[in-house]
């Protein structure tokens, strides 16, 4: 009789477990709740999506499309700070920016860097201006560049 009582107890426990699982966590069913489109693409910003930065090729400031650069202007200016990658250098791309010009504050209409902006070449200034403007969706508009206690008048992307 003990064997059949144990089997009955197992059945009761199994039935209780099924009922507990079937009852859920108290969330009541609802209709379809509309929402926005689900996120797509890789996480962490612009990884895999194109971003335009500006380097120098044959003495001219030109756009270079890169992947793996964040969406905001400061991320793109940091890409300038790192300079052309190996493939870009092999293709003749250079930079006229100092090795470590340290972007400090990059905004929509202004950019502050950690070097005296009056000591930068015209191409170096254009690299920064064009890259910041491209991060905003185009190359129109102007940027006021400052650094090292100096400030340049607002400049457009001239390439």
C-alpha atoms as a PDB file:
ATOM      1  CA  UNK A   1       0.000   0.000   0.000  1.00  0.00           C
ATOM      2  CA  UNK A   2       2.935   2.296   0.651  1.00  0.00           C
ATOM      3  CA  UNK A   3       4.039   1.923  -2.958  1.00  0.00           C
ATOM      4  CA  UNK A   4       0.645   2.979  -4.320  1.00  0.00           C
ATOM      5  CA  UNK A   5       0.437   5.858  -1.809  1.00  0.00           C
ATOM      6  CA  UNK A   6       3.840   7.111  -2.987  1.00  0.00           C
ATOM      7  CA  UNK A   7       2.737   6.904  -6.612  1.00  0.00           C
ATOM      8  CA  UNK A   8      -0.444   8.805  -5.812  1.00  0.00           C
ATOM      9  CA  UNK A   9       1.576  11.471  -4.008  1.00  0.00           C
ATOM     10  CA  UNK A  10       3.874  11.805  -7.038  1.00  0.00           C
ATOM     11  CA  UNK A  11       0.827  12.258  -9.285  1.00  0.00           C
ATOM     12  CA  UNK A  12      -0.602  14.939  -6.998  1.00  0.00           C
ATOM     13  CA  UNK A  13       2.743  16.775  -6.876  1.00  0.00           C
ATOM     14  CA  UNK A  14       3.058  16.531 -10.663  1.00  0.00           C
ATOM     15  CA  UNK A  15      -0.488  17.895 -11.060  1.00  0.00           C
ATOM     16  CA  UNK A  16       0.283  20.781  -8.673  1.00  0.00           C
ATOM     17  CA  UNK A  17       3.478  21.559 -10.586  1.00  0.00           C
ATOM     18  CA  UNK A  18       1.585  21.610 -13.876  1.00  0.00           C
ATOM     19  CA  UNK A  19      -1.076  23.901 -12.429  1.00  0.00           C
ATOM     20  CA  UNK A  20       1.559  26.278 -11.037  1.00  0.00           C
ATOM     21  CA  UNK A  21       3.372  26.430 -14.372  1.00  0.00           C
ATOM     22  CA  UNK A  22       0.127  26.858 -16.286  1.00  0.00           C
ATOM     23  CA  UNK A  23      -1.012  29.718 -14.079  1.00  0.00           C
ATOM     24  CA  UNK A  24       2.019  31.829 -15.052  1.00  0.00           C
ATOM     25  CA  UNK A  25       3.224  34.704 -12.963  1.00  0.00           C
ATOM     26  CA  UNK A  26      -0.057  36.567 -12.640  1.00  0.00           C
ATOM     27  CA  UNK A  27       0.282  38.546 -15.878  1.00  0.00           C
ATOM     28  CA  UNK A  28      -3.040  38.641 -17.629  1.00  0.00           C
ATOM     29  CA  UNK A  29      -3.255  38.226 -21.372  1.00  0.00           C
ATOM     30  CA  UNK A  30      -3.734  41.328 -23.490  1.00  0.00           C
ATOM     31  CA  UNK A  31      -4.259  42.204 -27.106  1.00  0.00           C
ATOM     32  CA  UNK A  32      -1.513  43.156 -29.502  1.00  0.00           C
ATOM     33  CA  UNK A  33       0.409  46.196 -28.289  1.00  0.00           C
ATOM     34  CA  UNK A  34       1.785  48.228 -31.212  1.00  0.00           C
ATOM     35  CA  UNK A  35       5.292  49.630 -30.974  1.00  0.00           C
ATOM     36  CA  UNK A  36       8.220  50.910 -32.985  1.00  0.00           C
ATOM     37  CA  UNK A  37      10.296  48.789 -35.300  1.00  0.00           C
ATOM     38  CA  UNK A  38      12.713  46.467 -33.576  1.00  0.00           C
ATOM     39  CA  UNK A  39      16.343  47.617 -33.502  1.00  0.00           C
ATOM     40  CA  UNK A  40      18.472  46.289 -36.289  1.00  0.00           C
ATOM     41  CA  UNK A  41      22.172  46.122 -36.976  1.00  0.00           C
ATOM     42  CA  UNK A  42      25.037  45.637 -34.604  1.00  0.00           C
ATOM     43  CA  UNK A  43      25.045  47.246 -31.154  1.00  0.00           C
ATOM     44  CA  UNK A  44      27.221  50.147 -29.996  1.00  0.00           C
ATOM     45  CA  UNK A  45      26.613  52.816 -32.546  1.00  0.00           C
ATOM     46  CA  UNK A  46      28.072  52.886 -36.001  1.00  0.00           C
ATOM     47  CA  UNK A  47      29.951  49.592 -35.983  1.00  0.00           C
ATOM     48  CA  UNK A  48      29.594  48.295 -39.519  1.00  0.00           C
ATOM     49  CA  UNK A  49      27.838  51.407 -40.852  1.00  0.00           C
ATOM     50  CA  UNK A  50      29.714  53.934 -42.963  1.00  0.00           C
ATOM     51  CA  UNK A  51      31.141  57.091 -41.404  1.00  0.00           C
ATOM     52  CA  UNK A  52      32.947  59.803 -43.330  1.00  0.00           C
ATOM     53  CA  UNK A  53      36.228  61.244 -42.092  1.00  0.00           C
ATOM     54  CA  UNK A  54      38.611  63.485 -44.031  1.00  0.00           C
ATOM     55  CA  UNK A  55      42.256  62.801 -44.793  1.00  0.00           C
ATOM     56  CA  UNK A  56      44.753  64.295 -47.227  1.00  0.00           C
ATOM     57  CA  UNK A  57      45.452  62.701 -50.603  1.00  0.00           C
ATOM     58  CA  UNK A  58      47.853  64.345 -53.051  1.00  0.00           C
ATOM     59  CA  UNK A  59      47.668  67.617 -51.098  1.00  0.00           C
ATOM     60  CA  UNK A  60      43.848  67.750 -51.087  1.00  0.00           C
ATOM     61  CA  UNK A  61      41.433  67.066 -48.234  1.00  0.00           C
ATOM     62  CA  UNK A  62      39.173  64.203 -49.332  1.00  0.00           C
ATOM     63  CA  UNK A  63      36.436  62.105 -47.733  1.00  0.00           C
ATOM     64  CA  UNK A  64      37.234  58.572 -46.606  1.00  0.00           C
ATOM     65  CA  UNK A  65      34.430  56.198 -45.694  1.00  0.00           C
ATOM     66  CA  UNK A  66      35.149  53.987 -42.706  1.00  0.00           C
ATOM     67  CA  UNK A  67      33.279  51.431 -40.665  1.00  0.00           C
ATOM     68  CA  UNK A  68      33.688  50.875 -36.957  1.00  0.00           C
ATOM     69  CA  UNK A  69      33.442  54.570 -36.074  1.00  0.00           C
ATOM     70  CA  UNK A  70      30.748  55.842 -33.712  1.00  0.00           C
ATOM     71  CA  UNK A  71      27.786  57.974 -34.744  1.00  0.00           C
ATOM     72  CA  UNK A  72      28.768  61.226 -33.056  1.00  0.00           C
ATOM     73  CA  UNK A  73      31.207  63.847 -34.276  1.00  0.00           C
ATOM     74  CA  UNK A  74      33.601  63.280 -31.358  1.00  0.00           C
ATOM     75  CA  UNK A  75      33.999  59.614 -32.388  1.00  0.00           C
ATOM     76  CA  UNK A  76      34.860  60.677 -35.913  1.00  0.00           C
ATOM     77  CA  UNK A  77      37.356  63.278 -34.717  1.00  0.00           C
ATOM     78  CA  UNK A  78      39.004  60.562 -32.606  1.00  0.00           C
ATOM     79  CA  UNK A  79      39.304  58.537 -35.835  1.00  0.00           C
ATOM     80  CA  UNK A  80      41.157  61.531 -37.309  1.00  0.00           C
ATOM     81  CA  UNK A  81      43.450  61.552 -34.296  1.00  0.00           C
ATOM     82  CA  UNK A  82      44.379  57.914 -35.002  1.00  0.00           C
ATOM     83  CA  UNK A  83      45.203  58.857 -38.597  1.00  0.00           C
ATOM     84  CA  UNK A  84      44.879  56.793 -41.758  1.00  0.00           C
ATOM     85  CA  UNK A  85      44.853  53.043 -41.264  1.00  0.00           C
ATOM     86  CA  UNK A  86      47.339  50.738 -42.974  1.00  0.00           C
ATOM     87  CA  UNK A  87      45.274  50.329 -46.153  1.00  0.00           C
ATOM     88  CA  UNK A  88      44.638  54.071 -46.385  1.00  0.00           C
ATOM     89  CA  UNK A  89      48.350  54.843 -45.958  1.00  0.00           C
ATOM     90  CA  UNK A  90      49.129  52.296 -48.679  1.00  0.00           C
ATOM     91  CA  UNK A  91      46.660  54.196 -50.888  1.00  0.00           C
ATOM     92  CA  UNK A  92      48.525  57.471 -50.297  1.00  0.00           C
ATOM     93  CA  UNK A  93      46.266  58.997 -47.624  1.00  0.00           C
ATOM     94  CA  UNK A  94      47.979  61.102 -44.954  1.00  0.00           C
ATOM     95  CA  UNK A  95      46.998  63.565 -42.276  1.00  0.00           C
ATOM     96  CA  UNK A  96      48.284  67.006 -41.434  1.00  0.00           C
ATOM     97  CA  UNK A  97      47.023  66.830 -37.865  1.00  0.00           C
ATOM     98  CA  UNK A  98      49.534  66.642 -35.020  1.00  0.00           C
ATOM     99  CA  UNK A  99      50.038  63.109 -33.657  1.00  0.00           C
ATOM    100  CA  UNK A 100      47.917  63.784 -30.573  1.00  0.00           C
ATOM    101  CA  UNK A 101      45.685  66.791 -30.938  1.00  0.00           C
ATOM    102  CA  UNK A 102      43.159  65.512 -28.360  1.00  0.00           C
ATOM    103  CA  UNK A 103      39.541  66.349 -29.155  1.00  0.00           C
ATOM    104  CA  UNK A 104      38.108  68.052 -26.046  1.00  0.00           C
ATOM    105  CA  UNK A 105      34.562  69.148 -26.870  1.00  0.00           C
ATOM    106  CA  UNK A 106      32.914  68.616 -30.215  1.00  0.00           C
ATOM    107  CA  UNK A 107      29.504  70.183 -30.788  1.00  0.00           C
ATOM    108  CA  UNK A 108      27.162  70.903 -33.671  1.00  0.00           C
ATOM    109  CA  UNK A 109      28.650  74.289 -34.521  1.00  0.00           C
ATOM    110  CA  UNK A 110      31.928  74.315 -32.613  1.00  0.00           C
ATOM    111  CA  UNK A 111      34.880  72.106 -31.819  1.00  0.00           C
ATOM    112  CA  UNK A 112      37.587  72.469 -29.205  1.00  0.00           C
ATOM    113  CA  UNK A 113      40.839  70.559 -29.467  1.00  0.00           C
ATOM    114  CA  UNK A 114      43.939  70.332 -27.298  1.00  0.00           C
ATOM    115  CA  UNK A 115      46.366  72.215 -29.539  1.00  0.00           C
ATOM    116  CA  UNK A 116      46.777  75.804 -30.676  1.00  0.00           C
ATOM    117  CA  UNK A 117      44.484  76.004 -33.706  1.00  0.00           C
ATOM    118  CA  UNK A 118      46.503  78.883 -35.173  1.00  0.00           C
ATOM    119  CA  UNK A 119      49.445  76.487 -35.604  1.00  0.00           C
ATOM    120  CA  UNK A 120      47.433  74.023 -37.730  1.00  0.00           C
ATOM    121  CA  UNK A 121      47.845  73.932 -41.494  1.00  0.00           C
ATOM    122  CA  UNK A 122      44.832  74.860 -43.651  1.00  0.00           C
ATOM    123  CA  UNK A 123      44.459  71.167 -44.552  1.00  0.00           C
ATOM    124  CA  UNK A 124      44.462  70.130 -40.869  1.00  0.00           C
ATOM    125  CA  UNK A 125      41.735  72.686 -40.136  1.00  0.00           C
ATOM    126  CA  UNK A 126      39.738  71.449 -43.129  1.00  0.00           C
ATOM    127  CA  UNK A 127      40.095  67.821 -41.984  1.00  0.00           C
ATOM    128  CA  UNK A 128      38.487  68.663 -38.646  1.00  0.00           C
ATOM    129  CA  UNK A 129      35.822  71.029 -40.009  1.00  0.00           C
ATOM    130  CA  UNK A 130      34.713  68.664 -42.795  1.00  0.00           C
ATOM    131  CA  UNK A 131      34.680  65.619 -40.491  1.00  0.00           C
ATOM    132  CA  UNK A 132      32.560  67.387 -37.852  1.00  0.00           C
ATOM    133  CA  UNK A 133      30.130  68.688 -40.472  1.00  0.00           C
ATOM    134  CA  UNK A 134      29.876  65.258 -42.129  1.00  0.00           C
ATOM    135  CA  UNK A 135      28.889  63.756 -38.767  1.00  0.00           C
ATOM    136  CA  UNK A 136      25.921  66.119 -38.770  1.00  0.00           C
ATOM    137  CA  UNK A 137      24.664  64.722 -42.045  1.00  0.00           C
ATOM    138  CA  UNK A 138      26.426  66.845 -44.638  1.00  0.00           C
ATOM    139  CA  UNK A 139      29.233  69.264 -45.322  1.00  0.00           C
ATOM    140  CA  UNK A 140      27.196  72.473 -45.309  1.00  0.00           C
ATOM    141  CA  UNK A 141      27.280  74.948 -42.445  1.00  0.00           C
ATOM    142  CA  UNK A 142      30.172  76.273 -40.418  1.00  0.00           C
ATOM    143  CA  UNK A 143      32.201  75.205 -37.402  1.00  0.00           C
ATOM    144  CA  UNK A 144      34.072  77.461 -34.982  1.00  0.00           C
ATOM    145  CA  UNK A 145      37.333  75.722 -34.126  1.00  0.00           C
ATOM    146  CA  UNK A 146      39.187  76.576 -30.920  1.00  0.00           C
ATOM    147  CA  UNK A 147      42.124  75.235 -28.950  1.00  0.00           C
ATOM    148  CA  UNK A 148      45.292  76.293 -27.185  1.00  0.00           C
ATOM    149  CA  UNK A 149      43.640  79.518 -26.046  1.00  0.00           C
ATOM    150  CA  UNK A 150      42.952  80.517 -29.666  1.00  0.00           C
ATOM    151  CA  UNK A 151      39.766  80.606 -31.731  1.00  0.00           C
ATOM    152  CA  UNK A 152      39.302  80.631 -35.495  1.00  0.00           C
ATOM    153  CA  UNK A 153      36.371  82.369 -37.154  1.00  0.00           C
ATOM    154  CA  UNK A 154      33.523  80.058 -38.271  1.00  0.00           C
ATOM    155  CA  UNK A 155      34.645  77.973 -41.261  1.00  0.00           C
ATOM    156  CA  UNK A 156      32.870  75.916 -43.869  1.00  0.00           C
ATOM    157  CA  UNK A 157      34.164  72.670 -45.350  1.00  0.00           C
ATOM    158  CA  UNK A 158      36.456  73.731 -48.188  1.00  0.00           C
ATOM    159  CA  UNK A 159      37.942  70.719 -49.859  1.00  0.00           C
END
